[in-house]
Amino acid sequence: MKKTTKVFLSVLSVASLSLFLGACSPEVGSKEWCEDMKGKDKANWTANEAADFAKNCLL
């Protein structure tokens, strides 16, 4: 198999996996997302996640 074919297949596999895993996460601001964030260690939250949590889950 050519090297370019192997590289292409690897990139395609990674892209497919990313799309698959991204489709499984709940929408930001939804009830499921808020519950997931409550269970996540707050030290691991990003600044954007903290702001979205405050905006969508507390208010």
PDB file of N, CA and C in Angstrom:
ATOM      1  N   MET A   1       0.852  -1.173   0.000  1.00  0.00           N
ATOM      2  CA  MET A   1       0.000   0.000   0.000  1.00  0.00           C
ATOM      3  C   MET A   1       0.899   1.238   0.000  1.00  0.00           C
ATOM      4  N   LYS A   2       0.543   2.226  -0.781  1.00  0.00           N
ATOM      5  CA  LYS A   2       1.337   3.446  -0.850  1.00  0.00           C
ATOM      6  C   LYS A   2       1.248   4.221   0.454  1.00  0.00           C
ATOM      7  N   LYS A   3       2.303   4.976   0.721  1.00  0.00           N
ATOM      8  CA  LYS A   3       2.347   5.774   1.946  1.00  0.00           C
ATOM      9  C   LYS A   3       1.221   6.807   1.959  1.00  0.00           C
ATOM     10  N   THR A   4       0.933   7.433   0.819  1.00  0.00           N
ATOM     11  CA  THR A   4      -0.117   8.452   0.773  1.00  0.00           C
ATOM     12  C   THR A   4      -1.486   7.843   1.064  1.00  0.00           C
ATOM     13  N   THR A   5      -1.694   6.614   0.619  1.00  0.00           N
ATOM     14  CA  THR A   5      -2.961   5.937   0.887  1.00  0.00           C
ATOM     15  C   THR A   5      -3.100   5.649   2.375  1.00  0.00           C
ATOM     16  N   LYS A   6      -2.009   5.216   3.001  1.00  0.00           N
ATOM     17  CA  LYS A   6      -2.043   4.939   4.437  1.00  0.00           C
ATOM     18  C   LYS A   6      -2.328   6.212   5.233  1.00  0.00           C
ATOM     19  N   VAL A   7      -1.679   7.302   4.835  1.00  0.00           N
ATOM     20  CA  VAL A   7      -1.892   8.572   5.525  1.00  0.00           C
ATOM     21  C   VAL A   7      -3.334   9.030   5.353  1.00  0.00           C
ATOM     22  N   PHE A   8      -3.849   8.931   4.134  1.00  0.00           N
ATOM     23  CA  PHE A   8      -5.235   9.327   3.869  1.00  0.00           C
ATOM     24  C   PHE A   8      -6.216   8.513   4.706  1.00  0.00           C
ATOM     25  N   LEU A   9      -6.012   7.211   4.771  1.00  0.00           N
ATOM     26  CA  LEU A   9      -6.906   6.357   5.554  1.00  0.00           C
ATOM     27  C   LEU A   9      -6.812   6.673   7.042  1.00  0.00           C
ATOM     28  N   SER A  10      -5.620   6.993   7.511  1.00  0.00           N
ATOM     29  CA  SER A  10      -5.458   7.358   8.918  1.00  0.00           C
ATOM     30  C   SER A  10      -6.199   8.651   9.239  1.00  0.00           C
ATOM     31  N   VAL A  11      -6.054   9.645   8.366  1.00  0.00           N
ATOM     32  CA  VAL A  11      -6.741  10.925   8.568  1.00  0.00           C
ATOM     33  C   VAL A  11      -8.246  10.722   8.513  1.00  0.00           C
ATOM     34  N   LEU A  12      -8.700   9.929   7.575  1.00  0.00           N
ATOM     35  CA  LEU A  12     -10.129   9.651   7.452  1.00  0.00           C
ATOM     36  C   LEU A  12     -10.660   8.950   8.705  1.00  0.00           C
ATOM     37  N   SER A  13      -9.894   8.028   9.250  1.00  0.00           N
ATOM     38  CA  SER A  13     -10.306   7.320  10.468  1.00  0.00           C
ATOM     39  C   SER A  13     -10.422   8.269  11.651  1.00  0.00           C
ATOM     40  N   VAL A  14      -9.446   9.147  11.808  1.00  0.00           N
ATOM     41  CA  VAL A  14      -9.462  10.098  12.920  1.00  0.00           C
ATOM     42  C   VAL A  14     -10.633  11.061  12.773  1.00  0.00           C
ATOM     43  N   ALA A  15     -10.872  11.531  11.557  1.00  0.00           N
ATOM     44  CA  ALA A  15     -11.991  12.448  11.319  1.00  0.00           C
ATOM     45  C   ALA A  15     -13.325  11.769  11.618  1.00  0.00           C
ATOM     46  N   SER A  16     -13.461  10.527  11.210  1.00  0.00           N
ATOM     47  CA  SER A  16     -14.703   9.790  11.460  1.00  0.00           C
ATOM     48  C   SER A  16     -14.925   9.581  12.951  1.00  0.00           C
ATOM     49  N   LEU A  17     -13.873   9.232  13.654  1.00  0.00           N
ATOM     50  CA  LEU A  17     -13.976   9.019  15.096  1.00  0.00           C
ATOM     51  C   LEU A  17     -14.350  10.319  15.805  1.00  0.00           C
ATOM     52  N   SER A  18     -13.766  11.429  15.375  1.00  0.00           N
ATOM     53  CA  SER A  18     -14.083  12.725  15.979  1.00  0.00           C
ATOM     54  C   SER A  18     -15.546  13.087  15.775  1.00  0.00           C
ATOM     55  N   LEU A  19     -16.054  12.871  14.578  1.00  0.00           N
ATOM     56  CA  LEU A  19     -17.462  13.157  14.313  1.00  0.00           C
ATOM     57  C   LEU A  19     -18.373  12.257  15.137  1.00  0.00           C
ATOM     58  N   PHE A  20     -18.013  10.996  15.257  1.00  0.00           N
ATOM     59  CA  PHE A  20     -18.820  10.049  16.027  1.00  0.00           C
ATOM     60  C   PHE A  20     -18.877  10.455  17.492  1.00  0.00           C
ATOM     61  N   LEU A  21     -17.734  10.769  18.071  1.00  0.00           N
ATOM     62  CA  LEU A  21     -17.701  11.128  19.487  1.00  0.00           C
ATOM     63  C   LEU A  21     -18.339  12.493  19.736  1.00  0.00           C
ATOM     64  N   GLY A  22     -18.193  13.409  18.823  1.00  0.00           N
ATOM     65  CA  GLY A  22     -18.796  14.725  18.969  1.00  0.00           C
ATOM     66  C   GLY A  22     -20.309  14.677  18.930  1.00  0.00           C
ATOM     67  N   ALA A  23     -20.854  13.728  18.198  1.00  0.00           N
ATOM     68  CA  ALA A  23     -22.301  13.602  18.086  1.00  0.00           C
ATOM     69  C   ALA A  23     -22.923  13.067  19.373  1.00  0.00           C
ATOM     70  N   CYS A  24     -22.128  12.481  20.236  1.00  0.00           N
ATOM     71  CA  CYS A  24     -22.645  11.879  21.466  1.00  0.00           C
ATOM     72  C   CYS A  24     -22.749  12.866  22.622  1.00  0.00           C
ATOM     73  N   SER A  25     -22.074  13.975  22.539  1.00  0.00           N
ATOM     74  CA  SER A  25     -22.103  14.901  23.658  1.00  0.00           C
ATOM     75  C   SER A  25     -23.355  15.771  23.598  1.00  0.00           C
ATOM     76  N   PRO A  26     -23.951  16.021  24.760  1.00  0.00           N
ATOM     77  CA  PRO A  26     -25.181  16.813  24.792  1.00  0.00           C
ATOM     78  C   PRO A  26     -24.910  18.267  24.416  1.00  0.00           C
ATOM     79  N   GLU A  27     -25.948  18.939  23.949  1.00  0.00           N
ATOM     80  CA  GLU A  27     -25.839  20.334  23.546  1.00  0.00           C
ATOM     81  C   GLU A  27     -25.589  21.206  24.771  1.00  0.00           C
ATOM     82  N   VAL A  28     -24.690  22.179  24.604  1.00  0.00           N
ATOM     83  CA  VAL A  28     -24.361  23.100  25.697  1.00  0.00           C
ATOM     84  C   VAL A  28     -25.628  23.820  26.138  1.00  0.00           C
ATOM     85  N   GLY A  29     -25.869  23.802  27.434  1.00  0.00           N
ATOM     86  CA  GLY A  29     -27.035  24.472  27.993  1.00  0.00           C
ATOM     87  C   GLY A  29     -28.224  23.557  28.217  1.00  0.00           C
ATOM     88  N   SER A  30     -28.167  22.341  27.660  1.00  0.00           N
ATOM     89  CA  SER A  30     -29.283  21.418  27.855  1.00  0.00           C
ATOM     90  C   SER A  30     -29.238  20.849  29.274  1.00  0.00           C
ATOM     91  N   LYS A  31     -30.347  20.260  29.684  1.00  0.00           N
ATOM     92  CA  LYS A  31     -30.425  19.676  31.023  1.00  0.00           C
ATOM     93  C   LYS A  31     -29.354  18.598  31.210  1.00  0.00           C
ATOM     94  N   GLU A  32     -29.142  17.780  30.166  1.00  0.00           N
ATOM     95  CA  GLU A  32     -28.130  16.714  30.236  1.00  0.00           C
ATOM     96  C   GLU A  32     -26.735  17.309  30.378  1.00  0.00           C
ATOM     97  N   TRP A  33     -26.470  18.393  29.646  1.00  0.00           N
ATOM     98  CA  TRP A  33     -25.158  19.031  29.719  1.00  0.00           C
ATOM     99  C   TRP A  33     -24.920  19.593  31.123  1.00  0.00           C
ATOM    100  N   CYS A  34     -25.941  20.229  31.684  1.00  0.00           N
ATOM    101  CA  CYS A  34     -25.818  20.771  33.045  1.00  0.00           C
ATOM    102  C   CYS A  34     -25.535  19.664  34.052  1.00  0.00           C
ATOM    103  N   GLU A  35     -26.222  18.542  33.912  1.00  0.00           N
ATOM    104  CA  GLU A  35     -25.991  17.406  34.822  1.00  0.00           C
ATOM    105  C   GLU A  35     -24.576  16.861  34.661  1.00  0.00           C
ATOM    106  N   ASP A  36     -24.094  16.764  33.418  1.00  0.00           N
ATOM    107  CA  ASP A  36     -22.728  16.296  33.170  1.00  0.00           C
ATOM    108  C   ASP A  36     -21.711  17.233  33.812  1.00  0.00           C
ATOM    109  N   MET A  37     -21.953  18.542  33.691  1.00  0.00           N
ATOM    110  CA  MET A  37     -21.027  19.519  34.257  1.00  0.00           C
ATOM    111  C   MET A  37     -21.033  19.466  35.783  1.00  0.00           C
ATOM    112  N   LYS A  38     -22.190  19.218  36.378  1.00  0.00           N
ATOM    113  CA  LYS A  38     -22.254  19.103  37.838  1.00  0.00           C
ATOM    114  C   LYS A  38     -21.432  17.925  38.329  1.00  0.00           C
ATOM    115  N   GLY A  39     -21.363  16.861  37.525  1.00  0.00           N
ATOM    116  CA  GLY A  39     -20.589  15.683  37.905  1.00  0.00           C
ATOM    117  C   GLY A  39     -19.110  15.795  37.586  1.00  0.00           C
ATOM    118  N   LYS A  40     -18.735  16.783  36.795  1.00  0.00           N
ATOM    119  CA  LYS A  40     -17.340  16.969  36.395  1.00  0.00           C
ATOM    120  C   LYS A  40     -16.615  17.799  37.444  1.00  0.00           C
ATOM    121  N   ASP A  41     -15.367  17.449  37.744  1.00  0.00           N
ATOM    122  CA  ASP A  41     -14.565  18.192  38.705  1.00  0.00           C
ATOM    123  C   ASP A  41     -14.399  19.637  38.234  1.00  0.00           C
ATOM    124  N   LYS A  42     -14.758  20.589  39.065  1.00  0.00           N
ATOM    125  CA  LYS A  42     -14.734  21.994  38.666  1.00  0.00           C
ATOM    126  C   LYS A  42     -13.330  22.483  38.330  1.00  0.00           C
ATOM    127  N   ALA A  43     -12.321  21.832  38.833  1.00  0.00           N
ATOM    128  CA  ALA A  43     -10.943  22.204  38.505  1.00  0.00           C
ATOM    129  C   ALA A  43     -10.628  21.905  37.045  1.00  0.00           C
ATOM    130  N   ASN A  44     -11.410  21.026  36.420  1.00  0.00           N
ATOM    131  CA  ASN A  44     -11.188  20.659  35.026  1.00  0.00           C
ATOM    132  C   ASN A  44     -12.072  21.441  34.053  1.00  0.00           C
ATOM    133  N   TRP A  45     -12.880  22.364  34.539  1.00  0.00           N
ATOM    134  CA  TRP A  45     -13.726  23.171  33.674  1.00  0.00           C
ATOM    135  C   TRP A  45     -12.871  24.203  32.948  1.00  0.00           C
ATOM    136  N   THR A  46     -13.207  24.478  31.703  1.00  0.00           N
ATOM    137  CA  THR A  46     -12.578  25.592  31.005  1.00  0.00           C
ATOM    138  C   THR A  46     -13.329  26.863  31.371  1.00  0.00           C
ATOM    139  N   ALA A  47     -12.751  27.996  31.022  1.00  0.00           N
ATOM    140  CA  ALA A  47     -13.416  29.271  31.298  1.00  0.00           C
ATOM    141  C   ALA A  47     -14.735  29.356  30.532  1.00  0.00           C
ATOM    142  N   ASN A  48     -14.759  28.871  29.314  1.00  0.00           N
ATOM    143  CA  ASN A  48     -15.988  28.890  28.511  1.00  0.00           C
ATOM    144  C   ASN A  48     -17.060  27.994  29.124  1.00  0.00           C
ATOM    145  N   GLU A  49     -16.652  26.823  29.611  1.00  0.00           N
ATOM    146  CA  GLU A  49     -17.618  25.920  30.246  1.00  0.00           C
ATOM    147  C   GLU A  49     -18.203  26.553  31.505  1.00  0.00           C
ATOM    148  N   ALA A  50     -17.367  27.208  32.296  1.00  0.00           N
ATOM    149  CA  ALA A  50     -17.853  27.858  33.522  1.00  0.00           C
ATOM    150  C   ALA A  50     -18.839  28.972  33.192  1.00  0.00           C
ATOM    151  N   ALA A  51     -18.518  29.751  32.166  1.00  0.00           N
ATOM    152  CA  ALA A  51     -19.420  30.841  31.775  1.00  0.00           C
ATOM    153  C   ALA A  51     -20.735  30.286  31.230  1.00  0.00           C
ATOM    154  N   ASP A  52     -20.660  29.240  30.405  1.00  0.00           N
ATOM    155  CA  ASP A  52     -21.879  28.624  29.863  1.00  0.00           C
ATOM    156  C   ASP A  52     -22.704  28.005  30.975  1.00  0.00           C
ATOM    157  N   PHE A  53     -22.051  27.386  31.957  1.00  0.00           N
ATOM    158  CA  PHE A  53     -22.771  26.785  33.075  1.00  0.00           C
ATOM    159  C   PHE A  53     -23.514  27.861  33.854  1.00  0.00           C
ATOM    160  N   ALA A  54     -22.817  28.953  34.157  1.00  0.00           N
ATOM    161  CA  ALA A  54     -23.454  30.039  34.911  1.00  0.00           C
ATOM    162  C   ALA A  54     -24.634  30.625  34.142  1.00  0.00           C
ATOM    163  N   LYS A  55     -24.462  30.788  32.848  1.00  0.00           N
ATOM    164  CA  LYS A  55     -25.512  31.403  32.026  1.00  0.00           C
ATOM    165  C   LYS A  55     -26.711  30.483  31.837  1.00  0.00           C
ATOM    166  N   ASN A  56     -26.470  29.187  31.626  1.00  0.00           N
ATOM    167  CA  ASN A  56     -27.541  28.271  31.255  1.00  0.00           C
ATOM    168  C   ASN A  56     -28.097  27.417  32.400  1.00  0.00           C
ATOM    169  N   CYS A  57     -27.303  27.185  33.417  1.00  0.00           N
ATOM    170  CA  CYS A  57     -27.736  26.242  34.453  1.00  0.00           C
ATOM    171  C   CYS A  57     -28.075  26.923  35.775  1.00  0.00           C
ATOM    172  N   LEU A  58     -27.540  28.094  36.014  1.00  0.00           N
ATOM    173  CA  LEU A  58     -27.801  28.769  37.293  1.00  0.00           C
ATOM    174  C   LEU A  58     -28.877  29.832  37.171  1.00  0.00           C
ATOM    175  N   LEU A  59     -28.941  30.485  36.043  1.00  0.00           N
ATOM    176  CA  LEU A  59     -29.896  31.588  35.867  1.00  0.00           C
ATOM    177  C   LEU A  59     -31.148  31.129  35.169  1.00  0.00           C
TER     178      LEU A  59
END
